[in-house]
Amino acid sequence: MPERLPGSEPPASPGNDSRSSDRIVALFVAVTWGAVVFAVDGLLAVVLNRDPIGGSVSPYFGLLATFVSGVLLWFVLAGTARSRSPWFGVLGAAAGVYLVLVASALPVGLVLAGQQAGSPFVAAAAVLAGATVFVTWIVLSHRRSATRPGVA
């Protein structure tokens, strides 16, 4: 049996790490956010009689921009899961998603970036990202307080 160095900890079991479970929950929530954003954008497109992305861009542009926004949201969700207050995460997620969706249009051109900056589709995705962080924080904090007796 190999000898352990002083101060070294044995490897943690994957099932006991609550941080990894928070990351997994955050991943599922971020994927769900992406699906909801596509559904809301579809409904907005019908109601407003407008395409979510103006200009002549690849059909993969929206998918890639939403994927990158989802990865950003995943990191924010995982980081906010154990915080005392969700507000930094809520504002960070909303602003981050908005900036990613607008900045992703910059390689195509300033006109598209300007269209994206004022787009109701981008605003909806940003608001949904902030709401997602808030609701996830409430659920996870309630779950943690329910598993620790005597903690309100």
N, C-alpha and C. Protein backbone atom coordinates (compact mmCIF):
# COMPACT_ATOMS: atom_id res chain seq x y z
N MET A 1 0.85 -1.17 0.00
CA MET A 1 0.00 0.00 0.00
C MET A 1 0.89 1.24 0.00
N PRO A 2 0.61 2.21 -0.90
CA PRO A 2 1.46 3.39 -0.97
C PRO A 2 1.28 4.25 0.28
N GLU A 3 2.38 4.84 0.69
CA GLU A 3 2.38 5.67 1.88
C GLU A 3 1.90 7.07 1.51
N ARG A 4 1.03 7.65 2.34
CA ARG A 4 0.52 9.00 2.09
C ARG A 4 1.50 10.03 2.65
N LEU A 5 1.58 11.12 1.93
CA LEU A 5 2.39 12.24 2.40
C LEU A 5 1.66 12.94 3.53
N PRO A 6 2.41 13.53 4.48
CA PRO A 6 1.75 14.25 5.57
C PRO A 6 0.92 15.41 5.00
N GLY A 7 -0.31 15.52 5.51
CA GLY A 7 -1.19 16.60 5.07
C GLY A 7 -1.98 16.28 3.82
N SER A 8 -1.74 15.12 3.21
CA SER A 8 -2.51 14.80 2.01
C SER A 8 -3.81 14.12 2.42
N GLU A 9 -4.82 14.41 1.68
CA GLU A 9 -6.15 13.86 1.95
C GLU A 9 -6.41 12.69 1.01
N PRO A 10 -7.16 11.70 1.47
CA PRO A 10 -7.53 10.65 0.55
C PRO A 10 -8.48 11.21 -0.51
N PRO A 11 -8.50 10.61 -1.68
CA PRO A 11 -9.38 11.13 -2.73
C PRO A 11 -10.84 11.04 -2.31
N ALA A 12 -11.57 12.08 -2.62
CA ALA A 12 -12.98 12.12 -2.25
C ALA A 12 -13.78 11.22 -3.17
N SER A 13 -14.77 10.62 -2.60
CA SER A 13 -15.66 9.78 -3.40
C SER A 13 -16.58 10.69 -4.20
N PRO A 14 -16.83 10.38 -5.48
CA PRO A 14 -17.63 11.27 -6.32
C PRO A 14 -19.06 11.45 -5.80
N GLY A 15 -19.61 10.46 -5.11
CA GLY A 15 -20.98 10.57 -4.64
C GLY A 15 -21.13 11.47 -3.43
N ASN A 16 -20.06 11.75 -2.69
CA ASN A 16 -20.15 12.55 -1.49
C ASN A 16 -19.93 14.03 -1.73
N ASP A 17 -19.42 14.42 -2.83
CA ASP A 17 -19.09 15.81 -3.09
C ASP A 17 -20.35 16.58 -3.48
N SER A 18 -20.82 17.46 -2.60
CA SER A 18 -22.03 18.21 -2.89
C SER A 18 -21.78 19.29 -3.94
N ARG A 19 -20.51 19.73 -4.05
CA ARG A 19 -20.20 20.70 -5.10
C ARG A 19 -20.38 20.08 -6.48
N SER A 20 -20.00 18.81 -6.63
CA SER A 20 -20.18 18.18 -7.94
C SER A 20 -21.67 18.00 -8.23
N SER A 21 -22.47 17.75 -7.20
CA SER A 21 -23.91 17.64 -7.46
C SER A 21 -24.48 19.00 -7.83
N ASP A 22 -23.95 20.08 -7.24
CA ASP A 22 -24.38 21.43 -7.64
C ASP A 22 -24.02 21.71 -9.09
N ARG A 23 -22.84 21.25 -9.51
CA ARG A 23 -22.44 21.44 -10.91
C ARG A 23 -23.33 20.66 -11.86
N ILE A 24 -23.71 19.46 -11.46
CA ILE A 24 -24.58 18.65 -12.31
C ILE A 24 -25.96 19.27 -12.40
N VAL A 25 -26.48 19.74 -11.28
CA VAL A 25 -27.77 20.44 -11.29
C VAL A 25 -27.67 21.68 -12.17
N ALA A 26 -26.59 22.43 -12.03
CA ALA A 26 -26.39 23.63 -12.85
C ALA A 26 -26.35 23.28 -14.34
N LEU A 27 -25.73 22.16 -14.68
CA LEU A 27 -25.68 21.75 -16.09
C LEU A 27 -27.07 21.46 -16.63
N PHE A 28 -27.85 20.70 -15.88
CA PHE A 28 -29.21 20.39 -16.33
C PHE A 28 -30.07 21.65 -16.42
N VAL A 29 -29.89 22.56 -15.48
CA VAL A 29 -30.65 23.81 -15.50
C VAL A 29 -30.24 24.66 -16.70
N ALA A 30 -28.95 24.71 -17.01
CA ALA A 30 -28.48 25.49 -18.16
C ALA A 30 -29.01 24.91 -19.47
N VAL A 31 -29.05 23.60 -19.58
CA VAL A 31 -29.61 22.97 -20.80
C VAL A 31 -31.10 23.29 -20.90
N THR A 32 -31.80 23.23 -19.78
CA THR A 32 -33.22 23.56 -19.78
C THR A 32 -33.43 25.02 -20.15
N TRP A 33 -32.56 25.90 -19.67
CA TRP A 33 -32.64 27.31 -20.03
C TRP A 33 -32.52 27.47 -21.55
N GLY A 34 -31.57 26.74 -22.16
CA GLY A 34 -31.41 26.83 -23.61
C GLY A 34 -32.67 26.41 -24.35
N ALA A 35 -33.31 25.35 -23.89
CA ALA A 35 -34.55 24.89 -24.53
C ALA A 35 -35.66 25.91 -24.36
N VAL A 36 -35.75 26.50 -23.17
CA VAL A 36 -36.79 27.51 -22.93
C VAL A 36 -36.53 28.76 -23.78
N VAL A 37 -35.27 29.14 -23.92
CA VAL A 37 -34.94 30.30 -24.75
C VAL A 37 -35.36 30.06 -26.20
N PHE A 38 -35.09 28.87 -26.71
CA PHE A 38 -35.51 28.57 -28.09
C PHE A 38 -37.03 28.59 -28.21
N ALA A 39 -37.74 28.10 -27.22
CA ALA A 39 -39.21 28.11 -27.26
C ALA A 39 -39.74 29.54 -27.18
N VAL A 40 -39.20 30.34 -26.27
CA VAL A 40 -39.66 31.72 -26.13
C VAL A 40 -39.32 32.53 -27.37
N ASP A 41 -38.13 32.32 -27.93
CA ASP A 41 -37.77 33.02 -29.16
C ASP A 41 -38.70 32.64 -30.31
N GLY A 42 -39.09 31.38 -30.37
CA GLY A 42 -40.03 30.95 -31.40
C GLY A 42 -41.38 31.61 -31.24
N LEU A 43 -41.87 31.69 -30.01
CA LEU A 43 -43.15 32.36 -29.76
C LEU A 43 -43.06 33.85 -30.07
N LEU A 44 -41.96 34.49 -29.66
CA LEU A 44 -41.77 35.90 -29.96
C LEU A 44 -41.69 36.14 -31.47
N ALA A 45 -41.05 35.25 -32.18
CA ALA A 45 -40.94 35.39 -33.64
C ALA A 45 -42.32 35.36 -34.30
N VAL A 46 -43.19 34.51 -33.79
CA VAL A 46 -44.54 34.43 -34.35
C VAL A 46 -45.34 35.67 -33.99
N VAL A 47 -45.28 36.07 -32.72
CA VAL A 47 -46.06 37.22 -32.26
C VAL A 47 -45.58 38.52 -32.91
N LEU A 48 -44.27 38.70 -33.01
CA LEU A 48 -43.71 39.93 -33.57
C LEU A 48 -43.57 39.88 -35.09
N ASN A 49 -43.78 38.70 -35.68
CA ASN A 49 -43.61 38.50 -37.12
C ASN A 49 -42.23 39.00 -37.57
N ARG A 50 -41.22 38.47 -36.88
CA ARG A 50 -39.85 38.92 -37.09
C ARG A 50 -38.90 37.76 -36.84
N ASP A 51 -37.81 37.73 -37.59
CA ASP A 51 -36.79 36.70 -37.38
C ASP A 51 -35.97 37.05 -36.14
N PRO A 52 -35.58 36.02 -35.37
CA PRO A 52 -34.77 36.29 -34.18
C PRO A 52 -33.42 36.92 -34.50
N ILE A 53 -32.85 36.56 -35.64
CA ILE A 53 -31.55 37.12 -36.03
C ILE A 53 -31.69 37.71 -37.42
N GLY A 54 -31.53 39.01 -37.51
CA GLY A 54 -31.63 39.67 -38.80
C GLY A 54 -30.34 39.51 -39.59
N GLY A 55 -30.42 39.81 -40.87
CA GLY A 55 -29.22 39.72 -41.70
C GLY A 55 -29.01 38.33 -42.25
N SER A 56 -28.02 38.23 -43.08
CA SER A 56 -27.71 36.94 -43.71
C SER A 56 -26.56 36.29 -42.97
N VAL A 57 -26.90 35.48 -42.01
CA VAL A 57 -25.90 34.75 -41.24
C VAL A 57 -26.21 33.27 -41.35
N SER A 58 -25.25 32.48 -40.98
CA SER A 58 -25.41 31.03 -40.99
C SER A 58 -26.51 30.63 -40.01
N PRO A 59 -27.24 29.57 -40.33
CA PRO A 59 -28.27 29.11 -39.39
C PRO A 59 -27.67 28.62 -38.07
N TYR A 60 -26.37 28.35 -38.06
CA TYR A 60 -25.71 27.89 -36.85
C TYR A 60 -25.28 29.04 -35.93
N PHE A 61 -25.41 30.26 -36.40
CA PHE A 61 -25.01 31.42 -35.59
C PHE A 61 -25.78 31.46 -34.28
N GLY A 62 -27.09 31.35 -34.35
CA GLY A 62 -27.92 31.38 -33.15
C GLY A 62 -27.65 30.23 -32.22
N LEU A 63 -27.44 29.05 -32.79
CA LEU A 63 -27.13 27.88 -31.97
C LEU A 63 -25.81 28.06 -31.23
N LEU A 64 -24.80 28.52 -31.93
CA LEU A 64 -23.49 28.71 -31.31
C LEU A 64 -23.53 29.80 -30.24
N ALA A 65 -24.19 30.91 -30.53
CA ALA A 65 -24.28 32.00 -29.56
C ALA A 65 -25.05 31.55 -28.31
N THR A 66 -26.11 30.79 -28.51
CA THR A 66 -26.88 30.31 -27.36
C THR A 66 -26.08 29.27 -26.58
N PHE A 67 -25.31 28.44 -27.27
CA PHE A 67 -24.47 27.45 -26.58
C PHE A 67 -23.43 28.15 -25.70
N VAL A 68 -22.75 29.15 -26.25
CA VAL A 68 -21.74 29.88 -25.47
C VAL A 68 -22.40 30.58 -24.28
N SER A 69 -23.58 31.14 -24.50
CA SER A 69 -24.32 31.77 -23.40
C SER A 69 -24.70 30.73 -22.34
N GLY A 70 -25.06 29.54 -22.79
CA GLY A 70 -25.41 28.47 -21.86
C GLY A 70 -24.22 28.03 -21.03
N VAL A 71 -23.04 27.98 -21.63
CA VAL A 71 -21.83 27.63 -20.88
C VAL A 71 -21.55 28.70 -19.82
N LEU A 72 -21.69 29.97 -20.20
CA LEU A 72 -21.52 31.06 -19.25
C LEU A 72 -22.53 30.92 -18.10
N LEU A 73 -23.78 30.64 -18.45
CA LEU A 73 -24.82 30.49 -17.43
C LEU A 73 -24.50 29.31 -16.51
N TRP A 74 -23.97 28.24 -17.06
CA TRP A 74 -23.61 27.08 -16.25
C TRP A 74 -22.58 27.46 -15.18
N PHE A 75 -21.55 28.21 -15.59
CA PHE A 75 -20.53 28.65 -14.63
C PHE A 75 -21.13 29.57 -13.56
N VAL A 76 -22.01 30.48 -13.98
CA VAL A 76 -22.63 31.39 -13.02
C VAL A 76 -23.52 30.60 -12.05
N LEU A 77 -24.30 29.66 -12.58
CA LEU A 77 -25.16 28.84 -11.72
C LEU A 77 -24.35 28.04 -10.71
N ALA A 78 -23.28 27.43 -11.17
CA ALA A 78 -22.44 26.63 -10.27
C ALA A 78 -21.78 27.52 -9.21
N GLY A 79 -21.41 28.72 -9.57
CA GLY A 79 -20.79 29.62 -8.62
C GLY A 79 -21.76 30.25 -7.65
N THR A 80 -23.00 30.43 -8.06
CA THR A 80 -23.99 31.07 -7.22
C THR A 80 -24.70 30.08 -6.31
N ALA A 81 -24.59 28.80 -6.59
CA ALA A 81 -25.35 27.79 -5.86
C ALA A 81 -25.14 27.86 -4.36
N ARG A 82 -23.94 28.16 -3.91
CA ARG A 82 -23.64 28.15 -2.48
C ARG A 82 -23.46 29.56 -1.90
N SER A 83 -23.76 30.57 -2.67
CA SER A 83 -23.57 31.93 -2.15
C SER A 83 -24.70 32.30 -1.18
N ARG A 84 -24.45 33.29 -0.36
CA ARG A 84 -25.46 33.73 0.61
C ARG A 84 -26.58 34.49 -0.06
N SER A 85 -26.28 35.18 -1.13
CA SER A 85 -27.26 35.98 -1.85
C SER A 85 -27.14 35.70 -3.34
N PRO A 86 -28.26 35.64 -4.05
CA PRO A 86 -28.18 35.32 -5.48
C PRO A 86 -28.00 36.53 -6.38
N TRP A 87 -28.02 37.73 -5.84
CA TRP A 87 -28.15 38.92 -6.68
C TRP A 87 -26.94 39.17 -7.58
N PHE A 88 -25.76 38.92 -7.10
CA PHE A 88 -24.59 39.08 -7.98
C PHE A 88 -24.68 38.10 -9.15
N GLY A 89 -25.08 36.87 -8.87
CA GLY A 89 -25.24 35.87 -9.92
C GLY A 89 -26.36 36.21 -10.89
N VAL A 90 -27.46 36.74 -10.36
CA VAL A 90 -28.60 37.12 -11.21
C VAL A 90 -28.17 38.20 -12.19
N LEU A 91 -27.56 39.26 -11.65
CA LEU A 91 -27.12 40.36 -12.52
C LEU A 91 -25.99 39.92 -13.45
N GLY A 92 -25.08 39.11 -12.94
CA GLY A 92 -23.98 38.62 -13.77
C GLY A 92 -24.46 37.75 -14.91
N ALA A 93 -25.44 36.88 -14.63
CA ALA A 93 -25.97 36.01 -15.68
C ALA A 93 -26.71 36.81 -16.74
N ALA A 94 -27.55 37.73 -16.30
CA ALA A 94 -28.31 38.54 -17.27
C ALA A 94 -27.38 39.39 -18.12
N ALA A 95 -26.44 40.07 -17.48
CA ALA A 95 -25.51 40.91 -18.23
C ALA A 95 -24.58 40.07 -19.10
N GLY A 96 -24.11 38.95 -18.56
CA GLY A 96 -23.21 38.09 -19.32
C GLY A 96 -23.85 37.51 -20.56
N VAL A 97 -25.08 37.00 -20.41
CA VAL A 97 -25.79 36.44 -21.57
C VAL A 97 -26.05 37.53 -22.60
N TYR A 98 -26.48 38.69 -22.15
CA TYR A 98 -26.72 39.80 -23.08
C TYR A 98 -25.44 40.15 -23.84
N LEU A 99 -24.33 40.30 -23.11
CA LEU A 99 -23.07 40.67 -23.76
C LEU A 99 -22.56 39.58 -24.70
N VAL A 100 -22.71 38.32 -24.32
CA VAL A 100 -22.26 37.23 -25.20
C VAL A 100 -23.08 37.22 -26.49
N LEU A 101 -24.39 37.40 -26.37
CA LEU A 101 -25.23 37.36 -27.57
C LEU A 101 -24.98 38.57 -28.48
N VAL A 102 -24.69 39.71 -27.90
CA VAL A 102 -24.38 40.89 -28.73
C VAL A 102 -22.96 40.79 -29.28
N ALA A 103 -22.00 40.42 -28.43
CA ALA A 103 -20.60 40.35 -28.88
C ALA A 103 -20.38 39.25 -29.91
N SER A 104 -21.18 38.20 -29.86
CA SER A 104 -21.02 37.13 -30.85
C SER A 104 -21.38 37.60 -32.26
N ALA A 105 -22.10 38.70 -32.35
CA ALA A 105 -22.45 39.24 -33.67
C ALA A 105 -21.38 40.15 -34.22
N LEU A 106 -20.42 40.56 -33.40
CA LEU A 106 -19.39 41.48 -33.87
C LEU A 106 -18.55 40.94 -35.03
N PRO A 107 -18.15 39.65 -35.05
CA PRO A 107 -17.39 39.17 -36.21
C PRO A 107 -18.17 39.25 -37.52
N VAL A 108 -19.49 39.23 -37.43
CA VAL A 108 -20.31 39.33 -38.65
C VAL A 108 -20.38 40.77 -39.12
N GLY A 109 -20.48 41.69 -38.18
CA GLY A 109 -20.53 43.11 -38.54
C GLY A 109 -21.19 43.94 -37.47
N LEU A 110 -20.92 45.23 -37.50
CA LEU A 110 -21.49 46.14 -36.52
C LEU A 110 -22.99 46.30 -36.67
N VAL A 111 -23.48 46.16 -37.88
CA VAL A 111 -24.93 46.30 -38.10
C VAL A 111 -25.67 45.19 -37.36
N LEU A 112 -25.20 43.96 -37.50
CA LEU A 112 -25.84 42.85 -36.80
C LEU A 112 -25.69 43.00 -35.29
N ALA A 113 -24.54 43.46 -34.83
CA ALA A 113 -24.34 43.67 -33.39
C ALA A 113 -25.31 44.72 -32.87
N GLY A 114 -25.53 45.78 -33.64
CA GLY A 114 -26.51 46.80 -33.25
C GLY A 114 -27.92 46.26 -33.23
N GLN A 115 -28.25 45.40 -34.21
CA GLN A 115 -29.58 44.77 -34.22
C GLN A 115 -29.75 43.86 -33.02
N GLN A 116 -28.71 43.12 -32.69
CA GLN A 116 -28.79 42.21 -31.55
C GLN A 116 -28.91 42.99 -30.23
N ALA A 117 -28.24 44.16 -30.15
CA ALA A 117 -28.28 44.94 -28.92
C ALA A 117 -29.69 45.41 -28.59
N GLY A 118 -30.49 45.68 -29.59
CA GLY A 118 -31.86 46.13 -29.37
C GLY A 118 -32.90 45.06 -29.60
N SER A 119 -32.48 43.83 -29.72
CA SER A 119 -33.40 42.74 -30.04
C SER A 119 -34.19 42.28 -28.82
N PRO A 120 -35.50 42.11 -28.98
CA PRO A 120 -36.29 41.56 -27.87
C PRO A 120 -35.94 40.10 -27.57
N PHE A 121 -35.39 39.41 -28.56
CA PHE A 121 -34.98 38.01 -28.36
C PHE A 121 -33.78 37.92 -27.41
N VAL A 122 -32.83 38.83 -27.58
CA VAL A 122 -31.66 38.88 -26.71
C VAL A 122 -32.08 39.31 -25.31
N ALA A 123 -32.96 40.29 -25.23
CA ALA A 123 -33.45 40.75 -23.93
C ALA A 123 -34.18 39.62 -23.19
N ALA A 124 -34.99 38.86 -23.92
CA ALA A 124 -35.71 37.74 -23.30
C ALA A 124 -34.74 36.69 -22.78
N ALA A 125 -33.70 36.38 -23.56
CA ALA A 125 -32.71 35.39 -23.12
C ALA A 125 -31.99 35.87 -21.86
N ALA A 126 -31.68 37.16 -21.80
CA ALA A 126 -30.98 37.71 -20.63
C ALA A 126 -31.88 37.69 -19.40
N VAL A 127 -33.13 38.08 -19.56
CA VAL A 127 -34.07 38.06 -18.43
C VAL A 127 -34.29 36.63 -17.95
N LEU A 128 -34.42 35.70 -18.88
CA LEU A 128 -34.59 34.30 -18.51
C LEU A 128 -33.35 33.76 -17.79
N ALA A 129 -32.18 34.21 -18.18
CA ALA A 129 -30.94 33.77 -17.50
C ALA A 129 -30.92 34.26 -16.05
N GLY A 130 -31.27 35.52 -15.84
CA GLY A 130 -31.32 36.04 -14.48
C GLY A 130 -32.37 35.33 -13.64
N ALA A 131 -33.54 35.10 -14.20
CA ALA A 131 -34.60 34.39 -13.48
C ALA A 131 -34.19 32.95 -13.17
N THR A 132 -33.47 32.34 -14.09
CA THR A 132 -33.01 30.97 -13.88
C THR A 132 -32.05 30.88 -12.70
N VAL A 133 -31.13 31.82 -12.60
CA VAL A 133 -30.19 31.82 -11.49
C VAL A 133 -30.95 32.02 -10.17
N PHE A 134 -31.89 32.94 -10.16
CA PHE A 134 -32.64 33.22 -8.94
C PHE A 134 -33.44 32.00 -8.48
N VAL A 135 -34.19 31.40 -9.38
CA VAL A 135 -35.02 30.24 -9.01
C VAL A 135 -34.14 29.06 -8.60
N THR A 136 -33.05 28.84 -9.30
CA THR A 136 -32.15 27.73 -8.95
C THR A 136 -31.54 27.96 -7.58
N TRP A 137 -31.14 29.18 -7.28
CA TRP A 137 -30.58 29.48 -5.96
C TRP A 137 -31.60 29.22 -4.86
N ILE A 138 -32.85 29.61 -5.09
CA ILE A 138 -33.90 29.38 -4.08
C ILE A 138 -34.09 27.88 -3.86
N VAL A 139 -34.19 27.12 -4.92
CA VAL A 139 -34.41 25.67 -4.80
C VAL A 139 -33.24 25.01 -4.09
N LEU A 140 -32.01 25.33 -4.51
CA LEU A 140 -30.85 24.69 -3.89
C LEU A 140 -30.66 25.11 -2.43
N SER A 141 -30.92 26.37 -2.11
CA SER A 141 -30.77 26.79 -0.71
C SER A 141 -31.86 26.16 0.15
N HIS A 142 -33.04 26.00 -0.38
CA HIS A 142 -34.11 25.32 0.37
C HIS A 142 -33.77 23.85 0.57
N ARG A 143 -33.21 23.22 -0.45
CA ARG A 143 -32.83 21.82 -0.35
C ARG A 143 -31.73 21.63 0.69
N ARG A 144 -30.75 22.54 0.69
CA ARG A 144 -29.67 22.43 1.68
C ARG A 144 -30.19 22.66 3.10
N SER A 145 -31.08 23.62 3.29
CA SER A 145 -31.58 23.87 4.64
C SER A 145 -32.48 22.73 5.11
N ALA A 146 -33.13 22.03 4.20
CA ALA A 146 -33.99 20.90 4.58
C ALA A 146 -33.14 19.69 4.97
N THR A 147 -31.92 19.59 4.46
CA THR A 147 -31.07 18.44 4.79
C THR A 147 -30.26 18.67 6.05
N ARG A 148 -30.22 19.91 6.54
CA ARG A 148 -29.49 20.22 7.78
C ARG A 148 -30.49 20.58 8.85
N PRO A 149 -30.77 19.67 9.79
CA PRO A 149 -31.73 19.97 10.84
C PRO A 149 -31.25 21.11 11.73
N GLY A 150 -32.19 21.96 12.11
CA GLY A 150 -31.87 23.06 13.01
C GLY A 150 -31.37 24.29 12.30
N VAL A 151 -31.27 24.26 10.95
CA VAL A 151 -30.82 25.42 10.18
C VAL A 151 -32.00 25.94 9.41
N ALA A 152 -32.30 27.21 9.58
CA ALA A 152 -33.47 27.79 8.89
C ALA A 152 -33.07 28.35 7.56
